[in-house]
Protein backbone atom coordinates (compact mmCIF):
# COMPACT_ATOMS: atom_id res chain seq x y z
CA MET A 1 6.53 201.01 -106.28
CA ARG A 2 3.36 199.83 -104.45
CA LYS A 3 5.36 197.81 -101.95
CA ILE A 4 7.60 200.83 -101.12
CA LEU A 5 4.57 203.08 -100.58
CA ILE A 6 2.91 200.51 -98.31
CA GLN A 7 6.08 200.08 -96.39
CA GLY A 8 6.45 203.77 -95.91
CA ALA A 9 2.81 203.99 -94.77
CA TRP A 10 3.44 201.28 -92.19
CA SER A 11 6.36 203.32 -90.84
CA ILE A 12 4.08 206.39 -90.53
CA ILE A 13 1.40 204.35 -88.81
CA ARG A 14 3.96 202.80 -86.48
CA TYR A 15 5.21 206.17 -85.20
CA ALA A 16 1.95 208.14 -85.63
CA ASP A 17 1.48 208.41 -81.95
CA ARG A 18 4.77 210.09 -81.51
CA GLY A 19 4.44 212.73 -84.25
CA ASP A 20 2.45 215.98 -84.04
CA ASP A 21 2.56 216.73 -87.78
CA ARG A 22 -0.51 216.85 -89.98
CA LEU A 23 0.04 213.48 -91.58
CA SER A 24 0.46 211.81 -88.20
CA ARG A 25 -2.66 213.31 -86.76
CA TRP A 26 -4.60 212.35 -89.86
CA ALA A 27 -3.20 208.78 -89.72
CA ARG A 28 -4.17 208.48 -85.99
CA GLN A 29 -7.71 209.57 -86.70
CA LEU A 30 -7.89 207.12 -89.63
CA ILE A 31 -6.67 204.20 -87.48
CA GLU A 32 -9.31 204.91 -84.83
CA ARG A 33 -12.04 204.88 -87.46
CA ARG A 34 -10.93 202.08 -89.93
CA GLY A 35 -8.22 200.09 -88.38
CA LYS A 36 -4.53 199.74 -89.08
CA HIS A 37 -4.64 197.73 -92.31
CA LYS A 38 -7.11 200.04 -94.08
CA ALA A 39 -5.26 203.05 -92.74
CA ALA A 40 -1.96 201.74 -94.21
CA ILE A 41 -3.57 201.60 -97.63
CA ALA A 42 -4.99 205.12 -97.29
CA VAL A 43 -1.66 206.60 -96.04
CA ALA A 44 0.09 204.92 -99.00
CA ASN A 45 -2.43 206.51 -101.32
CA LYS A 46 -1.88 209.90 -99.69
CA LEU A 47 1.87 209.49 -99.98
CA ALA A 48 1.52 208.67 -103.76
CA ARG A 49 -0.55 211.83 -104.18
CA ILE A 50 2.03 213.97 -102.30
CA ILE A 51 4.82 212.47 -104.44
CA TRP A 52 2.85 213.29 -107.64
CA ALA A 53 2.17 216.87 -106.62
CA ILE A 54 5.81 217.49 -105.66
CA SER A 55 7.02 216.07 -108.99
CA TYR A 56 4.32 217.86 -111.02
CA HIS A 57 4.82 221.32 -109.49
CA GLN A 58 8.56 220.90 -109.18
CA THR A 59 8.54 221.99 -105.56
CA ASP A 60 10.09 220.81 -102.27
CA TYR A 61 7.99 219.06 -99.60
CA LYS A 62 6.67 221.46 -97.02
CA ALA A 63 5.07 219.85 -93.94
CA ALA A 64 2.35 222.07 -92.78
């Protein structure tokens, strides 16, 4: 599961400069402050928390 989350995080980081959604903006700011490798771990953590919240509350993902 960890490898899948990290792989998804790298995908978000790779295309963060093209996206204007909230997660992409957050990832870009994080990359500037901490670098790509630490940002990948932080984005993977955020993805895990999003997945947990969706499954716990039995809702669909709503990108803000």
